[in-house]
Each structure stands twice: as C-alpha cells, then as structure tokens.
Amino acid sequence: TLTEHSRIHIGEKSYFCNVCNKAFLHKFSLTYHKRVHTGEKLF
C-alpha cells in the first residue's frame, strides 16, 4: 500500500490499459476504467 501511495509523489503510473494504453496510478483505477471498454455496468 505504501508502494502504491509513493507513486502519487513521483507521478509514476504503472498500470496500463491493454486496449487504449491509458495509464493509472492504482490497480483499482485501471479495473474500473476497463469497464468503459467492456460495457460492464457498475452501479
């Protein structure tokens, strides 16, 4: 969790979407983003 948090300070985005190659700081952000491509409805 600390490792993920540290990316906020250095601006590192290690999680990439394999469809549009958009990068994210956190893994959960990438997971939510992928629903844009799959059409999955969250709420």
ModelCIF file with pLDDT and N, C-alpha, C, O atoms, coordinates in Angstrom:
data_MODEL
#
_entry.id   MODEL 
#
_entity.id                         1 
_entity.type                       polymer 
_entity.pdbx_number_of_molecules   1 
#
_entity_poly.entity_id                      1 
_entity_poly.type                           'polypeptide(L)' 
_entity_poly.nstd_linkage                   no 
_entity_poly.nstd_monomer                   no 
_entity_poly.pdbx_seq_one_letter_code       TLTEHSRIHIGEKSYFCNVCNKAFLHKFSLTYHKRVHTGEKLF 
_entity_poly.pdbx_seq_one_letter_code_can   TLTEHSRIHIGEKSYFCNVCNKAFLHKFSLTYHKRVHTGEKLF 
_entity_poly.pdbx_strand_id                 A 
#
loop_
_entity_poly_seq.entity_id 
_entity_poly_seq.num 
_entity_poly_seq.mon_id 
_entity_poly_seq.hetero 
1 1  THR n 
1 2  LEU n 
1 3  THR n 
1 4  GLU n 
1 5  HIS n 
1 6  SER n 
1 7  ARG n 
1 8  ILE n 
1 9  HIS n 
1 10 ILE n 
1 11 GLY n 
1 12 GLU n 
1 13 LYS n 
1 14 SER n 
1 15 TYR n 
1 16 PHE n 
1 17 CYS n 
1 18 ASN n 
1 19 VAL n 
1 20 CYS n 
1 21 ASN n 
1 22 LYS n 
1 23 ALA n 
1 24 PHE n 
1 25 LEU n 
1 26 HIS n 
1 27 LYS n 
1 28 PHE n 
1 29 SER n 
1 30 LEU n 
1 31 THR n 
1 32 TYR n 
1 33 HIS n 
1 34 LYS n 
1 35 ARG n 
1 36 VAL n 
1 37 HIS n 
1 38 THR n 
1 39 GLY n 
1 40 GLU n 
1 41 LYS n 
1 42 LEU n 
1 43 PHE n 
#
_struct_asym.id          A 
_struct_asym.entity_id   1 
#
loop_
_ma_qa_metric.id 
_ma_qa_metric.mode 
_ma_qa_metric.name 
_ma_qa_metric.software_group_id 
_ma_qa_metric.type 
1 global pLDDT . pLDDT 
2 local  pLDDT . pLDDT 
#
_ma_qa_metric_global.metric_id      1 
_ma_qa_metric_global.metric_value   83.35 
_ma_qa_metric_global.model_id       1 
_ma_qa_metric_global.ordinal_id     1 
#
loop_
_ma_qa_metric_local.label_asym_id 
_ma_qa_metric_local.label_comp_id 
_ma_qa_metric_local.label_seq_id 
_ma_qa_metric_local.metric_id 
_ma_qa_metric_local.metric_value 
_ma_qa_metric_local.model_id 
_ma_qa_metric_local.ordinal_id 
A THR 1  2 86.00 1 1  
A LEU 2  2 88.00 1 2  
A THR 3  2 85.00 1 3  
A GLU 4  2 82.00 1 4  
A HIS 5  2 86.00 1 5  
A SER 6  2 85.00 1 6  
A ARG 7  2 82.00 1 7  
A ILE 8  2 83.00 1 8  
A HIS 9  2 87.00 1 9  
A ILE 10 2 81.00 1 10 
A GLY 11 2 80.00 1 11 
A GLU 12 2 81.00 1 12 
A LYS 13 2 82.00 1 13 
A SER 14 2 79.00 1 14 
A TYR 15 2 84.00 1 15 
A PHE 16 2 90.00 1 16 
A CYS 17 2 90.00 1 17 
A ASN 18 2 91.00 1 18 
A VAL 19 2 90.00 1 19 
A CYS 20 2 91.00 1 20 
A ASN 21 2 90.00 1 21 
A LYS 22 2 89.00 1 22 
A ALA 23 2 87.00 1 23 
A PHE 24 2 86.00 1 24 
A LEU 25 2 78.00 1 25 
A HIS 26 2 80.00 1 26 
A LYS 27 2 83.00 1 27 
A PHE 28 2 83.00 1 28 
A SER 29 2 86.00 1 29 
A LEU 30 2 87.00 1 30 
A THR 31 2 88.00 1 31 
A TYR 32 2 88.00 1 32 
A HIS 33 2 90.00 1 33 
A LYS 34 2 88.00 1 34 
A ARG 35 2 88.00 1 35 
A VAL 36 2 88.00 1 36 
A HIS 37 2 88.00 1 37 
A THR 38 2 84.00 1 38 
A GLY 39 2 80.00 1 39 
A GLU 40 2 76.00 1 40 
A LYS 41 2 65.00 1 41 
A LEU 42 2 56.00 1 42 
A PHE 43 2 53.00 1 43 
#
loop_
_atom_site.group_PDB 
_atom_site.id 
_atom_site.type_symbol 
_atom_site.label_atom_id 
_atom_site.label_alt_id 
_atom_site.label_comp_id 
_atom_site.label_asym_id 
_atom_site.label_entity_id 
_atom_site.label_seq_id 
_atom_site.pdbx_PDB_ins_code 
_atom_site.Cartn_x 
_atom_site.Cartn_y 
_atom_site.Cartn_z 
_atom_site.occupancy 
_atom_site.B_iso_or_equiv 
_atom_site.pdbx_formal_charge 
_atom_site.auth_seq_id 
_atom_site.auth_comp_id 
_atom_site.auth_asym_id 
_atom_site.auth_atom_id 
_atom_site.pdbx_PDB_model_num 
ATOM 1   N N  . THR A 1 1  ? 0.834   -1.204 0.000   1.00 86.00 ? 1  THR A N  1 
ATOM 2   C CA . THR A 1 1  ? 0.000   0.000  0.000   1.00 86.00 ? 1  THR A CA 1 
ATOM 3   C C  . THR A 1 1  ? 0.867   1.251  0.000   1.00 86.00 ? 1  THR A C  1 
ATOM 4   O O  . THR A 1 1  ? 0.549   2.240  -0.659  1.00 86.00 ? 1  THR A O  1 
ATOM 5   N N  . LEU A 1 2  ? 1.974   1.193  0.754   1.00 88.00 ? 2  LEU A N  1 
ATOM 6   C CA . LEU A 1 2  ? 2.926   2.307  0.758   1.00 88.00 ? 2  LEU A CA 1 
ATOM 7   C C  . LEU A 1 2  ? 3.549   2.469  -0.623  1.00 88.00 ? 2  LEU A C  1 
ATOM 8   O O  . LEU A 1 2  ? 3.720   3.591  -1.099  1.00 88.00 ? 2  LEU A O  1 
ATOM 9   N N  . THR A 1 3  ? 3.888   1.362  -1.266  1.00 85.00 ? 3  THR A N  1 
ATOM 10  C CA . THR A 1 3  ? 4.489   1.408  -2.606  1.00 85.00 ? 3  THR A CA 1 
ATOM 11  C C  . THR A 1 3  ? 3.558   2.105  -3.588  1.00 85.00 ? 3  THR A C  1 
ATOM 12  O O  . THR A 1 3  ? 3.987   2.941  -4.384  1.00 85.00 ? 3  THR A O  1 
ATOM 13  N N  . GLU A 1 4  ? 2.266   1.747  -3.521  1.00 82.00 ? 4  GLU A N  1 
ATOM 14  C CA . GLU A 1 4  ? 1.285   2.385  -4.406  1.00 82.00 ? 4  GLU A CA 1 
ATOM 15  C C  . GLU A 1 4  ? 1.140   3.870  -4.086  1.00 82.00 ? 4  GLU A C  1 
ATOM 16  O O  . GLU A 1 4  ? 1.062   4.704  -4.988  1.00 82.00 ? 4  GLU A O  1 
ATOM 17  N N  . HIS A 1 5  ? 1.104   4.187  -2.799  1.00 86.00 ? 5  HIS A N  1 
ATOM 18  C CA . HIS A 1 5  ? 0.967   5.576  -2.375  1.00 86.00 ? 5  HIS A CA 1 
ATOM 19  C C  . HIS A 1 5  ? 2.124   6.439  -2.870  1.00 86.00 ? 5  HIS A C  1 
ATOM 20  O O  . HIS A 1 5  ? 1.922   7.584  -3.272  1.00 86.00 ? 5  HIS A O  1 
ATOM 21  N N  . SER A 1 6  ? 3.342   5.885  -2.840  1.00 85.00 ? 6  SER A N  1 
ATOM 22  C CA . SER A 1 6  ? 4.543   6.634  -3.230  1.00 85.00 ? 6  SER A CA 1 
ATOM 23  C C  . SER A 1 6  ? 4.471   7.149  -4.657  1.00 85.00 ? 6  SER A C  1 
ATOM 24  O O  . SER A 1 6  ? 5.116   8.138  -5.002  1.00 85.00 ? 6  SER A O  1 
ATOM 25  N N  . ARG A 1 7  ? 3.682   6.473  -5.486  1.00 82.00 ? 7  ARG A N  1 
ATOM 26  C CA . ARG A 1 7  ? 3.566   6.886  -6.895  1.00 82.00 ? 7  ARG A CA 1 
ATOM 27  C C  . ARG A 1 7  ? 2.882   8.240  -7.028  1.00 82.00 ? 7  ARG A C  1 
ATOM 28  O O  . ARG A 1 7  ? 3.050   8.918  -8.042  1.00 82.00 ? 7  ARG A O  1 
ATOM 29  N N  . ILE A 1 8  ? 2.112   8.645  -6.019  1.00 83.00 ? 8  ILE A N  1 
ATOM 30  C CA . ILE A 1 8  ? 1.465   9.956  -6.037  1.00 83.00 ? 8  ILE A CA 1 
ATOM 31  C C  . ILE A 1 8  ? 2.527   11.052 -6.074  1.00 83.00 ? 8  ILE A C  1 
ATOM 32  O O  . ILE A 1 8  ? 2.367   12.061 -6.762  1.00 83.00 ? 8  ILE A O  1 
ATOM 33  N N  . HIS A 1 9  ? 3.602   10.846 -5.336  1.00 87.00 ? 9  HIS A N  1 
ATOM 34  C CA . HIS A 1 9  ? 4.656   11.854 -5.224  1.00 87.00 ? 9  HIS A CA 1 
ATOM 35  C C  . HIS A 1 9  ? 5.568   11.900 -6.453  1.00 87.00 ? 9  HIS A C  1 
ATOM 36  O O  . HIS A 1 9  ? 6.047   12.962 -6.852  1.00 87.00 ? 9  HIS A O  1 
ATOM 37  N N  . ILE A 1 10 ? 5.792   10.733 -7.036  1.00 81.00 ? 10 ILE A N  1 
ATOM 38  C CA . ILE A 1 10 ? 6.713   10.712 -8.187  1.00 81.00 ? 10 ILE A CA 1 
ATOM 39  C C  . ILE A 1 10 ? 5.974   10.747 -9.525  1.00 81.00 ? 10 ILE A C  1 
ATOM 40  O O  . ILE A 1 10 ? 6.595   10.881 -10.579 1.00 81.00 ? 10 ILE A O  1 
ATOM 41  N N  . GLY A 1 11 ? 4.633   10.624 -9.476  1.00 80.00 ? 11 GLY A N  1 
ATOM 42  C CA . GLY A 1 11 ? 3.842   10.696 -10.707 1.00 80.00 ? 11 GLY A CA 1 
ATOM 43  C C  . GLY A 1 11 ? 3.902   9.435  -11.546 1.00 80.00 ? 11 GLY A C  1 
ATOM 44  O O  . GLY A 1 11 ? 3.498   9.438  -12.709 1.00 80.00 ? 11 GLY A O  1 
ATOM 45  N N  . GLU A 1 12 ? 4.400   8.364  -10.966 1.00 81.00 ? 12 GLU A N  1 
ATOM 46  C CA . GLU A 1 12 ? 4.526   7.105  -11.715 1.00 81.00 ? 12 GLU A CA 1 
ATOM 47  C C  . GLU A 1 12 ? 3.155   6.465  -11.917 1.00 81.00 ? 12 GLU A C  1 
ATOM 48  O O  . GLU A 1 12 ? 2.369   6.348  -10.977 1.00 81.00 ? 12 GLU A O  1 
ATOM 49  N N  . LYS A 1 13 ? 2.884   6.062  -13.129 1.00 82.00 ? 13 LYS A N  1 
ATOM 50  C CA . LYS A 1 13 ? 1.643   5.354  -13.454 1.00 82.00 ? 13 LYS A CA 1 
ATOM 51  C C  . LYS A 1 13 ? 2.010   3.998  -14.050 1.00 82.00 ? 13 LYS A C  1 
ATOM 52  O O  . LYS A 1 13 ? 2.363   3.892  -15.224 1.00 82.00 ? 13 LYS A O  1 
ATOM 53  N N  . SER A 1 14 ? 1.917   2.967  -13.217 1.00 79.00 ? 14 SER A N  1 
ATOM 54  C CA . SER A 1 14 ? 2.435   1.650  -13.597 1.00 79.00 ? 14 SER A CA 1 
ATOM 55  C C  . SER A 1 14 ? 1.392   0.708  -14.177 1.00 79.00 ? 14 SER A C  1 
ATOM 56  O O  . SER A 1 14 ? 1.734   -0.370 -14.662 1.00 79.00 ? 14 SER A O  1 
ATOM 57  N N  . TYR A 1 15 ? 0.126   1.101  -14.134 1.00 84.00 ? 15 TYR A N  1 
ATOM 58  C CA . TYR A 1 15 ? -0.942  0.220  -14.610 1.00 84.00 ? 15 TYR A CA 1 
ATOM 59  C C  . TYR A 1 15 ? -1.494  0.739  -15.931 1.00 84.00 ? 15 TYR A C  1 
ATOM 60  O O  . TYR A 1 15 ? -2.030  1.844  -16.003 1.00 84.00 ? 15 TYR A O  1 
ATOM 61  N N  . PHE A 1 16 ? -1.353  -0.085 -16.989 1.00 90.00 ? 16 PHE A N  1 
ATOM 62  C CA . PHE A 1 16 ? -1.727  0.333  -18.339 1.00 90.00 ? 16 PHE A CA 1 
ATOM 63  C C  . PHE A 1 16 ? -2.900  -0.480 -18.873 1.00 90.00 ? 16 PHE A C  1 
ATOM 64  O O  . PHE A 1 16 ? -2.961  -1.698 -18.706 1.00 90.00 ? 16 PHE A O  1 
ATOM 65  N N  . CYS A 1 17 ? -3.820  0.215  -19.512 1.00 90.00 ? 17 CYS A N  1 
ATOM 66  C CA . CYS A 1 17 ? -4.950  -0.446 -20.165 1.00 90.00 ? 17 CYS A CA 1 
ATOM 67  C C  . CYS A 1 17 ? -4.458  -1.128 -21.441 1.00 90.00 ? 17 CYS A C  1 
ATOM 68  O O  . CYS A 1 17 ? -3.804  -0.490 -22.266 1.00 90.00 ? 17 CYS A O  1 
ATOM 69  N N  . ASN A 1 18 ? -4.761  -2.398 -21.611 1.00 91.00 ? 18 ASN A N  1 
ATOM 70  C CA . ASN A 1 18 ? -4.288  -3.130 -22.792 1.00 91.00 ? 18 ASN A CA 1 
ATOM 71  C C  . ASN A 1 18 ? -5.125  -2.854 -24.041 1.00 91.00 ? 18 ASN A C  1 
ATOM 72  O O  . ASN A 1 18 ? -4.850  -3.390 -25.115 1.00 91.00 ? 18 ASN A O  1 
ATOM 73  N N  . VAL A 1 19 ? -6.157  -2.005 -23.885 1.00 90.00 ? 19 VAL A N  1 
ATOM 74  C CA . VAL A 1 19 ? -6.984  -1.634 -25.039 1.00 90.00 ? 19 VAL A CA 1 
ATOM 75  C C  . VAL A 1 19 ? -6.567  -0.266 -25.576 1.00 90.00 ? 19 VAL A C  1 
ATOM 76  O O  . VAL A 1 19 ? -6.296  -0.116 -26.768 1.00 90.00 ? 19 VAL A O  1 
ATOM 77  N N  . CYS A 1 20 ? -6.517  0.731  -24.691 1.00 91.00 ? 20 CYS A N  1 
ATOM 78  C CA . CYS A 1 20 ? -6.204  2.090  -25.150 1.00 91.00 ? 20 CYS A CA 1 
ATOM 79  C C  . CYS A 1 20 ? -4.867  2.609  -24.633 1.00 91.00 ? 20 CYS A C  1 
ATOM 80  O O  . CYS A 1 20 ? -4.452  3.722  -24.957 1.00 91.00 ? 20 CYS A O  1 
ATOM 81  N N  . ASN A 1 21 ? -4.204  1.796  -23.833 1.00 90.00 ? 21 ASN A N  1 
ATOM 82  C CA . ASN A 1 21 ? -2.875  2.117  -23.300 1.00 90.00 ? 21 ASN A CA 1 
ATOM 83  C C  . ASN A 1 21 ? -2.874  3.297  -22.327 1.00 90.00 ? 21 ASN A C  1 
ATOM 84  O O  . ASN A 1 21 ? -1.813  3.854  -22.045 1.00 90.00 ? 21 ASN A O  1 
ATOM 85  N N  . LYS A 1 22 ? -4.033  3.685  -21.813 1.00 89.00 ? 22 LYS A N  1 
ATOM 86  C CA . LYS A 1 22 ? -4.088  4.739  -20.815 1.00 89.00 ? 22 LYS A CA 1 
ATOM 87  C C  . LYS A 1 22 ? -3.460  4.228  -19.515 1.00 89.00 ? 22 LYS A C  1 
ATOM 88  O O  . LYS A 1 22 ? -3.636  3.067  -19.148 1.00 89.00 ? 22 LYS A O  1 
ATOM 89  N N  . ALA A 1 23 ? -2.726  5.108  -18.823 1.00 87.00 ? 23 ALA A N  1 
ATOM 90  C CA . ALA A 1 23 ? -2.006  4.708  -17.619 1.00 87.00 ? 23 ALA A CA 1 
ATOM 91  C C  . ALA A 1 23 ? -2.693  5.218  -16.356 1.00 87.00 ? 23 ALA A C  1 
ATOM 92  O O  . ALA A 1 23 ? -3.331  6.271  -16.353 1.00 87.00 ? 23 ALA A O  1 
ATOM 93  N N  . PHE A 1 24 ? -2.543  4.425  -15.263 1.00 86.00 ? 24 PHE A N  1 
ATOM 94  C CA . PHE A 1 24 ? -3.176  4.765  -13.994 1.00 86.00 ? 24 PHE A CA 1 
ATOM 95  C C  . PHE A 1 24 ? -2.204  4.570  -12.836 1.00 86.00 ? 24 PHE A C  1 
ATOM 96  O O  . PHE A 1 24 ? -1.295  3.742  -12.897 1.00 86.00 ? 24 PHE A O  1 
ATOM 97  N N  . LEU A 1 25 ? -2.419  5.351  -11.781 1.00 78.00 ? 25 LEU A N  1 
ATOM 98  C CA . LEU A 1 25 ? -1.593  5.239  -10.573 1.00 78.00 ? 25 LEU A CA 1 
ATOM 99  C C  . LEU A 1 25 ? -1.901  3.955  -9.807  1.00 78.00 ? 25 LEU A C  1 
ATOM 100 O O  . LEU A 1 25 ? -1.004  3.311  -9.263  1.00 78.00 ? 25 LEU A O  1 
ATOM 101 N N  . HIS A 1 26 ? -3.189  3.593  -9.774  1.00 80.00 ? 26 HIS A N  1 
ATOM 102 C CA . HIS A 1 26 ? -3.618  2.474  -8.939  1.00 80.00 ? 26 HIS A CA 1 
ATOM 103 C C  . HIS A 1 26 ? -4.254  1.362  -9.778  1.00 80.00 ? 26 HIS A C  1 
ATOM 104 O O  . HIS A 1 26 ? -4.850  1.607  -10.827 1.00 80.00 ? 26 HIS A O  1 
ATOM 105 N N  . LYS A 1 27 ? -4.109  0.154  -9.285  1.00 83.00 ? 27 LYS A N  1 
ATOM 106 C CA . LYS A 1 27 ? -4.653  -1.008 -9.982  1.00 83.00 ? 27 LYS A CA 1 
ATOM 107 C C  . LYS A 1 27 ? -6.181  -0.955 -10.026 1.00 83.00 ? 27 LYS A C  1 
ATOM 108 O O  . LYS A 1 27 ? -6.793  -1.299 -11.037 1.00 83.00 ? 27 LYS A O  1 
ATOM 109 N N  . PHE A 1 28 ? -6.802  -0.512 -8.894  1.00 83.00 ? 28 PHE A N  1 
ATOM 110 C CA . PHE A 1 28 ? -8.262  -0.472 -8.877  1.00 83.00 ? 28 PHE A CA 1 
ATOM 111 C C  . PHE A 1 28 ? -8.807  0.548  -9.875  1.00 83.00 ? 28 PHE A C  1 
ATOM 112 O O  . PHE A 1 28 ? -9.902  0.372  -10.410 1.00 83.00 ? 28 PHE A O  1 
ATOM 113 N N  . SER A 1 29 ? -8.032  1.634  -10.130 1.00 86.00 ? 29 SER A N  1 
ATOM 114 C CA . SER A 1 29 ? -8.462  2.636  -11.120 1.00 86.00 ? 29 SER A CA 1 
ATOM 115 C C  . SER A 1 29 ? -8.467  2.033  -12.519 1.00 86.00 ? 29 SER A C  1 
ATOM 116 O O  . SER A 1 29 ? -9.355  2.317  -13.323 1.00 86.00 ? 29 SER A O  1 
ATOM 117 N N  . LEU A 1 30 ? -7.471  1.200  -12.804 1.00 87.00 ? 30 LEU A N  1 
ATOM 118 C CA . LEU A 1 30 ? -7.415  0.515  -14.092 1.00 87.00 ? 30 LEU A CA 1 
ATOM 119 C C  . LEU A 1 30 ? -8.590  -0.451 -14.232 1.00 87.00 ? 30 LEU A C  1 
ATOM 120 O O  . LEU A 1 30 ? -9.207  -0.542 -15.293 1.00 87.00 ? 30 LEU A O  1 
ATOM 121 N N  . THR A 1 31 ? -8.893  -1.173 -13.145 1.00 88.00 ? 31 THR A N  1 
ATOM 122 C CA . THR A 1 31 ? -10.004 -2.133 -13.164 1.00 88.00 ? 31 THR A CA 1 
ATOM 123 C C  . THR A 1 31 ? -11.321 -1.437 -13.495 1.00 88.00 ? 31 THR A C  1 
ATOM 124 O O  . THR A 1 31 ? -12.100 -1.935 -14.309 1.00 88.00 ? 31 THR A O  1 
ATOM 125 N N  . TYR A 1 32 ? -11.570 -0.300 -12.874 1.00 88.00 ? 32 TYR A N  1 
ATOM 126 C CA . TYR A 1 32 ? -12.793 0.461  -13.150 1.00 88.00 ? 32 TYR A CA 1 
ATOM 127 C C  . TYR A 1 32 ? -12.794 0.995  -14.581 1.00 88.00 ? 32 TYR A C  1 
ATOM 128 O O  . TYR A 1 32 ? -13.820 0.971  -15.260 1.00 88.00 ? 32 TYR A O  1 
ATOM 129 N N  . HIS A 1 33 ? -11.636 1.476  -15.029 1.00 90.00 ? 33 HIS A N  1 
ATOM 130 C CA . HIS A 1 33 ? -11.528 2.035  -16.373 1.00 90.00 ? 33 HIS A CA 1 
ATOM 131 C C  . HIS A 1 33 ? -11.866 1.006  -17.442 1.00 90.00 ? 33 HIS A C  1 
ATOM 132 O O  . HIS A 1 33 ? -12.501 1.345  -18.441 1.00 90.00 ? 33 HIS A O  1 
ATOM 133 N N  . LYS A 1 34 ? -11.465 -0.211 -17.259 1.00 88.00 ? 34 LYS A N  1 
ATOM 134 C CA . LYS A 1 34 ? -11.670 -1.256 -18.271 1.00 88.00 ? 34 LYS A CA 1 
ATOM 135 C C  . LYS A 1 34 ? -13.145 -1.469 -18.586 1.00 88.00 ? 34 LYS A C  1 
ATOM 136 O O  . LYS A 1 34 ? -13.490 -1.964 -19.658 1.00 88.00 ? 34 LYS A O  1 
ATOM 137 N N  . ARG A 1 35 ? -14.015 -1.093 -17.649 1.00 88.00 ? 35 ARG A N  1 
ATOM 138 C CA . ARG A 1 35 ? -15.452 -1.258 -17.865 1.00 88.00 ? 35 ARG A CA 1 
ATOM 139 C C  . ARG A 1 35 ? -15.965 -0.320 -18.958 1.00 88.00 ? 35 ARG A C  1 
ATOM 140 O O  . ARG A 1 35 ? -17.043 -0.527 -19.513 1.00 88.00 ? 35 ARG A O  1 
ATOM 141 N N  . VAL A 1 36 ? -15.182 0.704  -19.253 1.00 88.00 ? 36 VAL A N  1 
ATOM 142 C CA . VAL A 1 36 ? -15.528 1.595  -20.367 1.00 88.00 ? 36 VAL A CA 1 
ATOM 143 C C  . VAL A 1 36 ? -15.482 0.803  -21.670 1.00 88.00 ? 36 VAL A C  1 
ATOM 144 O O  . VAL A 1 36 ? -16.299 1.012  -22.566 1.00 88.00 ? 36 VAL A O  1 
ATOM 145 N N  . HIS A 1 37 ? -14.525 -0.100 -21.759 1.00 88.00 ? 37 HIS A N  1 
ATOM 146 C CA . HIS A 1 37 ? -14.356 -0.898 -22.982 1.00 88.00 ? 37 HIS A CA 1 
ATOM 147 C C  . HIS A 1 37 ? -15.263 -2.127 -23.010 1.00 88.00 ? 37 HIS A C  1 
ATOM 148 O O  . HIS A 1 37 ? -15.732 -2.524 -24.077 1.00 88.00 ? 37 HIS A O  1 
ATOM 149 N N  . THR A 1 38 ? -15.514 -2.734 -21.844 1.00 84.00 ? 38 THR A N  1 
ATOM 150 C CA . THR A 1 38 ? -16.302 -3.970 -21.811 1.00 84.00 ? 38 THR A CA 1 
ATOM 151 C C  . THR A 1 38 ? -17.801 -3.699 -21.794 1.00 84.00 ? 38 THR A C  1 
ATOM 152 O O  . THR A 1 38 ? -18.598 -4.568 -22.148 1.00 84.00 ? 38 THR A O  1 
ATOM 153 N N  . GLY A 1 39 ? -18.195 -2.460 -21.371 1.00 80.00 ? 39 GLY A N  1 
ATOM 154 C CA . GLY A 1 39 ? -19.619 -2.152 -21.289 1.00 80.00 ? 39 GLY A CA 1 
ATOM 155 C C  . GLY A 1 39 ? -20.236 -2.610 -19.987 1.00 80.00 ? 39 GLY A C  1 
ATOM 156 O O  . GLY A 1 39 ? -21.441 -2.457 -19.786 1.00 80.00 ? 39 GLY A O  1 
ATOM 157 N N  . GLU A 1 40 ? -19.426 -3.172 -19.094 1.00 76.00 ? 40 GLU A N  1 
ATOM 158 C CA . GLU A 1 40 ? -19.941 -3.632 -17.809 1.00 76.00 ? 40 GLU A CA 1 
ATOM 159 C C  . GLU A 1 40 ? -20.472 -2.445 -17.012 1.00 76.00 ? 40 GLU A C  1 
ATOM 160 O O  . GLU A 1 40 ? -19.832 -1.395 -16.956 1.00 76.00 ? 40 GLU A O  1 
ATOM 161 N N  . LYS A 1 41 ? -21.634 -2.612 -16.401 1.00 65.00 ? 41 LYS A N  1 
ATOM 162 C CA . LYS A 1 41 ? -22.262 -1.540 -15.658 1.00 65.00 ? 41 LYS A CA 1 
ATOM 163 C C  . LYS A 1 41 ? -22.072 -1.785 -14.172 1.00 65.00 ? 41 LYS A C  1 
ATOM 164 O O  . LYS A 1 41 ? -22.426 -2.837 -13.638 1.00 65.00 ? 41 LYS A O  1 
ATOM 165 N N  . LEU A 1 42 ? -21.495 -0.769 -13.516 1.00 56.00 ? 42 LEU A N  1 
ATOM 166 C CA . LEU A 1 42 ? -21.041 -0.950 -12.148 1.00 56.00 ? 42 LEU A CA 1 
ATOM 167 C C  . LEU A 1 42 ? -22.105 -0.685 -11.100 1.00 56.00 ? 42 LEU A C  1 
ATOM 168 O O  . LEU A 1 42 ? -22.297 -1.497 -10.195 1.00 56.00 ? 42 LEU A O  1 
ATOM 169 N N  . PHE A 1 43 ? -22.810 0.454  -11.210 1.00 53.00 ? 43 PHE A N  1 
ATOM 170 C CA . PHE A 1 43 ? -23.716 0.848  -10.147 1.00 53.00 ? 43 PHE A CA 1 
ATOM 171 C C  . PHE A 1 43 ? -25.178 0.700  -10.573 1.00 53.00 ? 43 PHE A C  1 
ATOM 172 O O  . PHE A 1 43 ? -26.082 0.992  -9.790  1.00 53.00 ? 43 PHE A O  1 
#
